Amino acid sequence: MHRRPCLRVSGLICLMWLSSAGTLRGEVPAPLVPLQFLLGDWEGVGDQAGATGGFSFALRVQDRVIVRTNYSDRPASGTEPASRHDDLMVIYEDAGRIKAEYFDSEGHIIRYVAEVKGAEVVFLSELRRSEPRYRLTYTQTSPTMLLGKFDVASPARPDAFAPYLSWTARKVK
């Protein structure tokens, strides 16, 4: 007679555990929620120099980080040979702040702190003496379009950013 209540309690505990585990795995951690507009696969639109490329933002590590992979293929022009650029950025929460680590095929490593304002996120690199400073911005212009900008500041004027690259991307998935 006592087995039945014990089984019910055990079953209820298992059900509660399973339901909470499911919601924990399927939800973006609170600090990363503002970045959900970035998630998906994106392709570059209308590059006048003939470059093609794309990137994706995906939740990884049981939804604890966002990983961006990016590529750009540039055709040969004049004396410049064709080239390819690949990079990886891992976005995460640390002590209540959104941070990112960037690595590329040219050997660059950039550490960013991010600030989100509505449908825009700005990744700003750490201030390091005698090194350039970088600012990477994504702005959502519609549910399927993003504008991107990459700006650089000289070590002598670390807050005087100048445009380096800009692009428009369309969400494909």
N, C-alpha and C. Protein backbone atom coordinates (compact mmCIF):
# COMPACT_ATOMS: atom_id res chain seq x y z
N MET A 1 0.80 -1.19 0.00
CA MET A 1 0.00 0.00 0.00
C MET A 1 0.85 1.27 0.00
N HIS A 2 1.99 1.25 0.67
CA HIS A 2 2.84 2.44 0.75
C HIS A 2 3.65 2.65 -0.52
N ARG A 3 3.72 1.63 -1.37
CA ARG A 3 4.50 1.77 -2.61
C ARG A 3 3.87 2.79 -3.56
N ARG A 4 2.58 2.78 -3.65
CA ARG A 4 1.90 3.64 -4.61
C ARG A 4 2.15 5.14 -4.31
N PRO A 5 1.97 5.65 -3.09
CA PRO A 5 2.29 7.06 -2.83
C PRO A 5 3.76 7.37 -3.07
N CYS A 6 4.63 6.43 -2.74
CA CYS A 6 6.07 6.64 -2.94
C CYS A 6 6.38 6.75 -4.43
N LEU A 7 5.74 5.90 -5.26
CA LEU A 7 5.93 5.98 -6.70
C LEU A 7 5.40 7.29 -7.26
N ARG A 8 4.26 7.73 -6.74
CA ARG A 8 3.70 9.01 -7.21
C ARG A 8 4.63 10.17 -6.89
N VAL A 9 5.17 10.19 -5.68
CA VAL A 9 6.10 11.26 -5.29
C VAL A 9 7.35 11.20 -6.15
N SER A 10 7.90 9.98 -6.35
CA SER A 10 9.10 9.83 -7.19
C SER A 10 8.81 10.28 -8.62
N GLY A 11 7.64 9.90 -9.13
CA GLY A 11 7.27 10.30 -10.49
C GLY A 11 7.11 11.81 -10.60
N LEU A 12 6.51 12.41 -9.59
CA LEU A 12 6.32 13.87 -9.60
C LEU A 12 7.66 14.59 -9.56
N ILE A 13 8.59 14.10 -8.74
CA ILE A 13 9.93 14.70 -8.66
C ILE A 13 10.64 14.58 -10.00
N CYS A 14 10.55 13.39 -10.64
CA CYS A 14 11.18 13.19 -11.95
C CYS A 14 10.57 14.13 -12.99
N LEU A 15 9.26 14.25 -12.98
CA LEU A 15 8.58 15.12 -13.93
C LEU A 15 9.00 16.57 -13.73
N MET A 16 9.08 17.01 -12.48
CA MET A 16 9.51 18.38 -12.19
C MET A 16 10.94 18.62 -12.67
N TRP A 17 11.82 17.65 -12.42
CA TRP A 17 13.21 17.78 -12.83
C TRP A 17 13.32 17.85 -14.36
N LEU A 18 12.60 16.95 -15.06
CA LEU A 18 12.64 16.93 -16.51
C LEU A 18 12.10 18.23 -17.11
N SER A 19 11.02 18.74 -16.55
CA SER A 19 10.46 19.97 -17.11
C SER A 19 11.38 21.15 -16.86
N SER A 20 12.01 21.21 -15.70
CA SER A 20 12.92 22.33 -15.45
C SER A 20 14.18 22.21 -16.28
N ALA A 21 14.69 21.00 -16.48
CA ALA A 21 15.89 20.81 -17.30
C ALA A 21 15.60 21.22 -18.74
N GLY A 22 14.42 20.91 -19.24
CA GLY A 22 14.05 21.29 -20.60
C GLY A 22 13.99 22.79 -20.77
N THR A 23 13.45 23.51 -19.82
CA THR A 23 13.36 24.95 -19.98
C THR A 23 14.74 25.59 -19.82
N LEU A 24 15.57 25.03 -18.97
CA LEU A 24 16.90 25.60 -18.82
C LEU A 24 17.71 25.46 -20.10
N ARG A 25 17.64 24.31 -20.77
CA ARG A 25 18.42 24.09 -21.98
C ARG A 25 17.89 24.89 -23.16
N GLY A 26 16.59 25.14 -23.21
CA GLY A 26 16.01 25.78 -24.38
C GLY A 26 15.97 27.29 -24.31
N GLU A 27 16.42 27.90 -23.24
CA GLU A 27 16.33 29.34 -23.10
C GLU A 27 17.70 29.99 -23.18
N VAL A 28 17.73 31.14 -23.78
CA VAL A 28 18.96 31.92 -23.84
C VAL A 28 19.18 32.54 -22.46
N PRO A 29 20.41 32.46 -21.91
CA PRO A 29 20.66 33.10 -20.62
C PRO A 29 20.30 34.59 -20.69
N ALA A 30 19.76 35.11 -19.62
CA ALA A 30 19.23 36.49 -19.58
C ALA A 30 20.17 37.53 -20.20
N PRO A 31 21.47 37.55 -19.90
CA PRO A 31 22.31 38.60 -20.48
C PRO A 31 22.42 38.51 -22.01
N LEU A 32 22.21 37.31 -22.59
CA LEU A 32 22.35 37.15 -24.03
C LEU A 32 21.03 37.37 -24.78
N VAL A 33 19.92 37.46 -24.07
CA VAL A 33 18.61 37.64 -24.71
C VAL A 33 18.59 38.83 -25.67
N PRO A 34 19.17 39.98 -25.32
CA PRO A 34 19.12 41.12 -26.25
C PRO A 34 19.83 40.86 -27.59
N LEU A 35 20.64 39.80 -27.66
CA LEU A 35 21.38 39.49 -28.89
C LEU A 35 20.64 38.49 -29.78
N GLN A 36 19.45 38.08 -29.40
CA GLN A 36 18.72 37.09 -30.18
C GLN A 36 18.48 37.53 -31.62
N PHE A 37 18.40 38.83 -31.87
CA PHE A 37 18.17 39.29 -33.24
C PHE A 37 19.32 38.90 -34.18
N LEU A 38 20.49 38.56 -33.63
CA LEU A 38 21.63 38.16 -34.45
C LEU A 38 21.57 36.70 -34.88
N LEU A 39 20.85 35.86 -34.13
CA LEU A 39 20.86 34.42 -34.37
C LEU A 39 20.37 34.07 -35.77
N GLY A 40 21.08 33.15 -36.41
CA GLY A 40 20.71 32.68 -37.73
C GLY A 40 21.87 32.73 -38.70
N ASP A 41 21.56 32.41 -39.95
CA ASP A 41 22.55 32.43 -41.03
C ASP A 41 22.30 33.66 -41.89
N TRP A 42 23.36 34.37 -42.22
CA TRP A 42 23.27 35.64 -42.94
C TRP A 42 24.20 35.62 -44.15
N GLU A 43 23.80 36.29 -45.23
CA GLU A 43 24.68 36.42 -46.41
C GLU A 43 24.84 37.88 -46.76
N GLY A 44 26.05 38.23 -47.22
CA GLY A 44 26.32 39.59 -47.62
C GLY A 44 25.51 39.97 -48.86
N VAL A 45 25.12 41.24 -48.94
CA VAL A 45 24.28 41.73 -50.04
C VAL A 45 25.01 42.85 -50.76
N GLY A 46 25.13 42.74 -52.09
CA GLY A 46 25.55 43.85 -52.94
C GLY A 46 26.89 44.48 -52.69
N ASP A 47 27.95 43.70 -52.56
CA ASP A 47 29.28 44.30 -52.40
C ASP A 47 29.77 44.81 -53.75
N GLN A 48 30.10 46.09 -53.84
CA GLN A 48 30.50 46.68 -55.12
C GLN A 48 31.85 46.19 -55.61
N ALA A 49 32.69 45.70 -54.71
CA ALA A 49 34.01 45.22 -55.12
C ALA A 49 33.96 43.77 -55.57
N GLY A 50 32.78 43.14 -55.52
CA GLY A 50 32.65 41.76 -55.96
C GLY A 50 32.92 40.72 -54.89
N ALA A 51 33.17 41.16 -53.67
CA ALA A 51 33.40 40.21 -52.58
C ALA A 51 32.09 39.51 -52.22
N THR A 52 32.21 38.28 -51.79
CA THR A 52 31.04 37.53 -51.31
C THR A 52 31.37 37.04 -49.91
N GLY A 53 30.34 36.77 -49.14
CA GLY A 53 30.59 36.28 -47.80
C GLY A 53 29.31 36.06 -47.04
N GLY A 54 29.49 35.55 -45.85
CA GLY A 54 28.36 35.31 -44.98
C GLY A 54 28.83 34.98 -43.58
N PHE A 55 27.88 34.90 -42.69
CA PHE A 55 28.20 34.60 -41.30
C PHE A 55 27.00 33.97 -40.64
N SER A 56 27.24 33.34 -39.52
CA SER A 56 26.14 32.78 -38.73
C SER A 56 26.40 33.05 -37.26
N PHE A 57 25.32 33.24 -36.54
CA PHE A 57 25.35 33.36 -35.09
C PHE A 57 24.51 32.20 -34.57
N ALA A 58 25.08 31.39 -33.68
CA ALA A 58 24.36 30.22 -33.17
C ALA A 58 24.65 30.03 -31.69
N LEU A 59 23.62 29.61 -30.97
CA LEU A 59 23.80 29.26 -29.56
C LEU A 59 24.57 27.95 -29.49
N ARG A 60 25.51 27.87 -28.57
CA ARG A 60 26.33 26.66 -28.39
C ARG A 60 26.56 26.47 -26.89
N VAL A 61 27.17 25.35 -26.55
CA VAL A 61 27.53 25.02 -25.17
C VAL A 61 26.29 25.10 -24.28
N GLN A 62 25.28 24.33 -24.66
CA GLN A 62 24.00 24.30 -23.94
C GLN A 62 23.44 25.71 -23.78
N ASP A 63 23.53 26.48 -24.86
CA ASP A 63 22.97 27.82 -24.95
C ASP A 63 23.61 28.84 -24.00
N ARG A 64 24.84 28.58 -23.59
CA ARG A 64 25.53 29.50 -22.68
C ARG A 64 26.37 30.53 -23.42
N VAL A 65 26.68 30.28 -24.71
CA VAL A 65 27.45 31.22 -25.51
C VAL A 65 26.82 31.34 -26.90
N ILE A 66 27.15 32.41 -27.59
CA ILE A 66 26.79 32.57 -29.00
C ILE A 66 28.10 32.52 -29.77
N VAL A 67 28.13 31.70 -30.81
CA VAL A 67 29.32 31.58 -31.65
C VAL A 67 29.01 32.17 -33.02
N ARG A 68 29.86 33.09 -33.44
CA ARG A 68 29.75 33.64 -34.79
C ARG A 68 30.88 33.10 -35.62
N THR A 69 30.55 32.53 -36.78
CA THR A 69 31.56 32.17 -37.77
C THR A 69 31.31 33.07 -38.97
N ASN A 70 32.38 33.48 -39.64
CA ASN A 70 32.29 34.45 -40.71
C ASN A 70 33.31 34.10 -41.79
N TYR A 71 32.93 34.35 -43.05
CA TYR A 71 33.89 34.21 -44.14
C TYR A 71 33.65 35.32 -45.16
N SER A 72 34.71 35.66 -45.88
CA SER A 72 34.61 36.63 -46.96
C SER A 72 35.58 36.21 -48.05
N ASP A 73 35.08 36.11 -49.27
CA ASP A 73 35.91 35.79 -50.43
C ASP A 73 36.00 37.04 -51.30
N ARG A 74 37.23 37.45 -51.59
CA ARG A 74 37.44 38.62 -52.43
C ARG A 74 38.09 38.19 -53.74
N PRO A 75 37.51 38.57 -54.87
CA PRO A 75 38.11 38.17 -56.15
C PRO A 75 39.39 38.95 -56.43
N ALA A 76 40.19 38.40 -57.32
CA ALA A 76 41.40 39.11 -57.75
C ALA A 76 41.01 40.39 -58.46
N SER A 77 41.85 41.42 -58.29
CA SER A 77 41.60 42.68 -59.00
C SER A 77 42.94 43.38 -59.21
N GLY A 78 43.20 43.74 -60.46
CA GLY A 78 44.47 44.43 -60.76
C GLY A 78 45.65 43.56 -60.35
N THR A 79 46.47 44.08 -59.44
CA THR A 79 47.64 43.33 -58.97
C THR A 79 47.36 42.52 -57.71
N GLU A 80 46.16 42.66 -57.15
CA GLU A 80 45.80 41.95 -55.92
C GLU A 80 45.25 40.56 -56.24
N PRO A 81 45.81 39.51 -55.63
CA PRO A 81 45.27 38.17 -55.87
C PRO A 81 43.96 37.97 -55.09
N ALA A 82 43.20 36.97 -55.49
CA ALA A 82 41.99 36.61 -54.75
C ALA A 82 42.39 36.22 -53.33
N SER A 83 41.48 36.45 -52.39
CA SER A 83 41.80 36.10 -51.00
C SER A 83 40.55 35.65 -50.26
N ARG A 84 40.77 34.98 -49.16
CA ARG A 84 39.68 34.54 -48.29
C ARG A 84 40.02 34.91 -46.86
N HIS A 85 39.01 35.37 -46.15
CA HIS A 85 39.15 35.71 -44.73
C HIS A 85 38.14 34.87 -43.95
N ASP A 86 38.59 34.23 -42.88
CA ASP A 86 37.71 33.47 -41.98
C ASP A 86 37.92 33.97 -40.57
N ASP A 87 36.84 34.03 -39.79
CA ASP A 87 37.01 34.37 -38.38
C ASP A 87 35.95 33.71 -37.52
N LEU A 88 36.23 33.72 -36.24
CA LEU A 88 35.38 33.10 -35.23
C LEU A 88 35.27 34.08 -34.06
N MET A 89 34.06 34.25 -33.55
CA MET A 89 33.87 35.09 -32.37
C MET A 89 32.97 34.34 -31.40
N VAL A 90 33.37 34.29 -30.15
CA VAL A 90 32.59 33.65 -29.10
C VAL A 90 32.10 34.74 -28.16
N ILE A 91 30.78 34.82 -28.02
CA ILE A 91 30.13 35.85 -27.21
C ILE A 91 29.58 35.19 -25.95
N TYR A 92 29.81 35.81 -24.80
CA TYR A 92 29.42 35.18 -23.54
C TYR A 92 29.15 36.25 -22.48
N GLU A 93 28.57 35.81 -21.38
CA GLU A 93 28.33 36.69 -20.25
C GLU A 93 29.40 36.42 -19.19
N ASP A 94 29.94 37.48 -18.63
CA ASP A 94 30.94 37.36 -17.57
C ASP A 94 30.67 38.47 -16.55
N ALA A 95 30.31 38.06 -15.35
CA ALA A 95 30.05 39.02 -14.26
C ALA A 95 29.04 40.10 -14.66
N GLY A 96 27.99 39.67 -15.37
CA GLY A 96 26.93 40.59 -15.74
C GLY A 96 27.19 41.42 -16.98
N ARG A 97 28.33 41.23 -17.62
CA ARG A 97 28.66 41.98 -18.84
C ARG A 97 28.75 41.02 -20.02
N ILE A 98 28.39 41.51 -21.19
CA ILE A 98 28.54 40.71 -22.40
C ILE A 98 29.94 40.98 -22.95
N LYS A 99 30.66 39.90 -23.18
CA LYS A 99 32.02 40.00 -23.71
C LYS A 99 32.15 39.10 -24.93
N ALA A 100 33.22 39.28 -25.69
CA ALA A 100 33.45 38.45 -26.87
C ALA A 100 34.95 38.31 -27.10
N GLU A 101 35.31 37.17 -27.63
CA GLU A 101 36.69 36.88 -28.03
C GLU A 101 36.67 36.62 -29.53
N TYR A 102 37.53 37.29 -30.28
CA TYR A 102 37.56 37.21 -31.74
C TYR A 102 38.91 36.64 -32.19
N PHE A 103 38.86 35.72 -33.16
CA PHE A 103 40.07 35.10 -33.73
C PHE A 103 39.89 35.04 -35.24
N ASP A 104 40.95 35.38 -36.01
CA ASP A 104 40.79 35.28 -37.46
C ASP A 104 41.97 34.59 -38.13
N SER A 105 41.80 34.36 -39.45
CA SER A 105 42.78 33.63 -40.24
C SER A 105 44.06 34.44 -40.49
N GLU A 106 44.08 35.69 -40.09
CA GLU A 106 45.28 36.53 -40.23
C GLU A 106 46.06 36.61 -38.92
N GLY A 107 45.58 35.92 -37.88
CA GLY A 107 46.28 35.89 -36.60
C GLY A 107 45.84 36.94 -35.61
N HIS A 108 44.80 37.71 -35.93
CA HIS A 108 44.32 38.72 -34.98
C HIS A 108 43.52 38.07 -33.86
N ILE A 109 43.68 38.61 -32.68
CA ILE A 109 42.87 38.25 -31.52
C ILE A 109 42.38 39.56 -30.92
N ILE A 110 41.07 39.68 -30.79
CA ILE A 110 40.50 40.92 -30.24
C ILE A 110 39.55 40.55 -29.12
N ARG A 111 39.69 41.21 -28.00
CA ARG A 111 38.79 41.02 -26.86
C ARG A 111 37.85 42.22 -26.78
N TYR A 112 36.56 41.92 -26.78
CA TYR A 112 35.55 42.97 -26.80
C TYR A 112 34.69 42.96 -25.55
N VAL A 113 34.14 44.10 -25.24
CA VAL A 113 33.03 44.24 -24.30
C VAL A 113 31.89 44.80 -25.14
N ALA A 114 30.68 44.26 -24.95
CA ALA A 114 29.55 44.66 -25.78
C ALA A 114 28.53 45.47 -25.01
N GLU A 115 27.88 46.34 -25.77
CA GLU A 115 26.77 47.11 -25.22
C GLU A 115 25.62 47.01 -26.21
N VAL A 116 24.44 46.65 -25.70
CA VAL A 116 23.26 46.50 -26.54
C VAL A 116 22.31 47.64 -26.26
N LYS A 117 21.84 48.27 -27.34
CA LYS A 117 20.83 49.33 -27.23
C LYS A 117 19.76 49.01 -28.25
N GLY A 118 18.65 48.43 -27.79
CA GLY A 118 17.57 48.06 -28.69
C GLY A 118 18.03 47.03 -29.70
N ALA A 119 17.92 47.38 -30.99
CA ALA A 119 18.28 46.46 -32.07
C ALA A 119 19.69 46.74 -32.59
N GLU A 120 20.56 47.18 -31.71
CA GLU A 120 21.95 47.44 -32.09
C GLU A 120 22.87 46.93 -31.00
N VAL A 121 23.96 46.30 -31.41
CA VAL A 121 24.99 45.88 -30.46
C VAL A 121 26.32 46.43 -30.95
N VAL A 122 27.07 46.98 -30.01
CA VAL A 122 28.39 47.53 -30.30
C VAL A 122 29.41 46.76 -29.48
N PHE A 123 30.36 46.14 -30.18
CA PHE A 123 31.47 45.45 -29.54
C PHE A 123 32.67 46.39 -29.59
N LEU A 124 33.19 46.75 -28.42
CA LEU A 124 34.29 47.69 -28.32
C LEU A 124 35.50 46.97 -27.73
N SER A 125 36.64 47.06 -28.43
CA SER A 125 37.83 46.34 -27.96
C SER A 125 38.43 47.01 -26.73
N GLU A 126 39.20 46.21 -26.02
CA GLU A 126 39.89 46.72 -24.84
C GLU A 126 40.88 47.81 -25.26
N LEU A 127 41.12 48.72 -24.37
CA LEU A 127 42.12 49.76 -24.61
C LEU A 127 43.48 49.18 -24.24
N ARG A 128 44.39 49.11 -25.24
CA ARG A 128 45.74 48.59 -25.01
C ARG A 128 46.74 49.59 -25.60
N ARG A 129 47.65 50.00 -24.77
CA ARG A 129 48.64 50.99 -25.20
C ARG A 129 49.42 50.46 -26.42
N SER A 130 49.64 51.30 -27.37
CA SER A 130 50.39 51.05 -28.61
C SER A 130 49.72 50.05 -29.55
N GLU A 131 48.41 49.80 -29.37
CA GLU A 131 47.67 48.95 -30.30
C GLU A 131 46.42 49.67 -30.78
N PRO A 132 46.01 49.40 -32.03
CA PRO A 132 44.75 50.00 -32.50
C PRO A 132 43.58 49.54 -31.64
N ARG A 133 42.51 50.30 -31.70
CA ARG A 133 41.28 49.93 -31.00
C ARG A 133 40.22 49.67 -32.06
N TYR A 134 39.33 48.71 -31.78
CA TYR A 134 38.35 48.28 -32.76
C TYR A 134 36.93 48.42 -32.23
N ARG A 135 36.02 48.69 -33.15
CA ARG A 135 34.60 48.77 -32.81
C ARG A 135 33.82 48.05 -33.92
N LEU A 136 33.06 47.04 -33.52
CA LEU A 136 32.24 46.24 -34.43
C LEU A 136 30.79 46.47 -34.05
N THR A 137 29.98 46.91 -35.02
CA THR A 137 28.58 47.25 -34.76
C THR A 137 27.66 46.48 -35.67
N TYR A 138 26.61 45.91 -35.09
CA TYR A 138 25.53 45.29 -35.86
C TYR A 138 24.24 46.03 -35.53
N THR A 139 23.50 46.44 -36.56
CA THR A 139 22.23 47.11 -36.38
C THR A 139 21.17 46.37 -37.19
N GLN A 140 20.11 45.95 -36.51
CA GLN A 140 19.01 45.28 -37.19
C GLN A 140 18.10 46.34 -37.80
N THR A 141 17.91 46.29 -39.12
CA THR A 141 17.05 47.26 -39.79
C THR A 141 15.67 46.68 -40.10
N SER A 142 15.57 45.36 -40.08
CA SER A 142 14.30 44.65 -40.22
C SER A 142 14.55 43.24 -39.69
N PRO A 143 13.51 42.42 -39.53
CA PRO A 143 13.75 41.06 -39.02
C PRO A 143 14.69 40.23 -39.90
N THR A 144 14.88 40.63 -41.17
CA THR A 144 15.73 39.85 -42.06
C THR A 144 16.93 40.62 -42.61
N MET A 145 17.21 41.81 -42.07
CA MET A 145 18.34 42.61 -42.57
C MET A 145 19.18 43.16 -41.41
N LEU A 146 20.50 43.12 -41.61
CA LEU A 146 21.45 43.68 -40.65
C LEU A 146 22.41 44.61 -41.38
N LEU A 147 22.79 45.68 -40.72
CA LEU A 147 23.89 46.51 -41.18
C LEU A 147 25.07 46.23 -40.27
N GLY A 148 26.26 46.13 -40.86
CA GLY A 148 27.46 45.90 -40.07
C GLY A 148 28.49 46.97 -40.36
N LYS A 149 29.25 47.33 -39.33
CA LYS A 149 30.34 48.31 -39.47
C LYS A 149 31.52 47.83 -38.64
N PHE A 150 32.70 48.02 -39.18
CA PHE A 150 33.92 47.74 -38.44
C PHE A 150 34.77 48.99 -38.54
N ASP A 151 35.05 49.60 -37.38
CA ASP A 151 35.80 50.85 -37.32
C ASP A 151 37.11 50.63 -36.55
N VAL A 152 38.10 51.44 -36.88
CA VAL A 152 39.42 51.32 -36.26
C VAL A 152 39.87 52.69 -35.76
N ALA A 153 40.52 52.70 -34.60
CA ALA A 153 41.11 53.92 -34.04
C ALA A 153 42.60 53.69 -33.82
N SER A 154 43.41 54.69 -34.08
CA SER A 154 44.86 54.55 -33.90
C SER A 154 45.20 54.55 -32.41
N PRO A 155 46.35 53.98 -32.07
CA PRO A 155 46.77 54.00 -30.66
C PRO A 155 46.90 55.41 -30.10
N ALA A 156 47.27 56.37 -30.94
CA ALA A 156 47.44 57.75 -30.49
C ALA A 156 46.10 58.41 -30.17
N ARG A 157 45.03 57.98 -30.84
CA ARG A 157 43.70 58.55 -30.63
C ARG A 157 42.69 57.40 -30.50
N PRO A 158 42.69 56.68 -29.38
CA PRO A 158 41.91 55.45 -29.24
C PRO A 158 40.39 55.62 -29.26
N ASP A 159 39.89 56.84 -29.19
CA ASP A 159 38.45 57.06 -29.26
C ASP A 159 38.03 57.74 -30.57
N ALA A 160 38.98 57.97 -31.47
CA ALA A 160 38.69 58.60 -32.76
C ALA A 160 38.59 57.51 -33.83
N PHE A 161 37.44 56.88 -33.91
CA PHE A 161 37.25 55.76 -34.83
C PHE A 161 37.02 56.25 -36.26
N ALA A 162 37.60 55.52 -37.20
CA ALA A 162 37.39 55.78 -38.63
C ALA A 162 36.81 54.52 -39.26
N PRO A 163 35.91 54.68 -40.21
CA PRO A 163 35.33 53.50 -40.88
C PRO A 163 36.41 52.69 -41.59
N TYR A 164 36.30 51.37 -41.48
CA TYR A 164 37.22 50.46 -42.18
C TYR A 164 36.45 49.58 -43.14
N LEU A 165 35.35 48.98 -42.67
CA LEU A 165 34.48 48.14 -43.49
C LEU A 165 33.03 48.40 -43.11
N SER A 166 32.14 48.22 -44.08
CA SER A 166 30.71 48.24 -43.77
C SER A 166 30.04 47.25 -44.73
N TRP A 167 28.90 46.72 -44.32
CA TRP A 167 28.21 45.73 -45.12
C TRP A 167 26.73 45.67 -44.73
N THR A 168 25.97 45.07 -45.63
CA THR A 168 24.57 44.77 -45.40
C THR A 168 24.42 43.27 -45.54
N ALA A 169 23.62 42.67 -44.67
CA ALA A 169 23.42 41.22 -44.74
C ALA A 169 21.93 40.89 -44.66
N ARG A 170 21.59 39.81 -45.36
CA ARG A 170 20.20 39.31 -45.40
C ARG A 170 20.16 37.96 -44.70
N LYS A 171 19.15 37.78 -43.86
CA LYS A 171 18.99 36.51 -43.15
C LYS A 171 18.48 35.46 -44.12
N VAL A 172 19.18 34.33 -44.16
CA VAL A 172 18.78 33.25 -45.06
C VAL A 172 18.19 32.05 -44.32
N LYS A 173 18.42 32.00 -43.03
CA LYS A 173 17.88 30.89 -42.22
C LYS A 173 17.88 31.24 -40.76
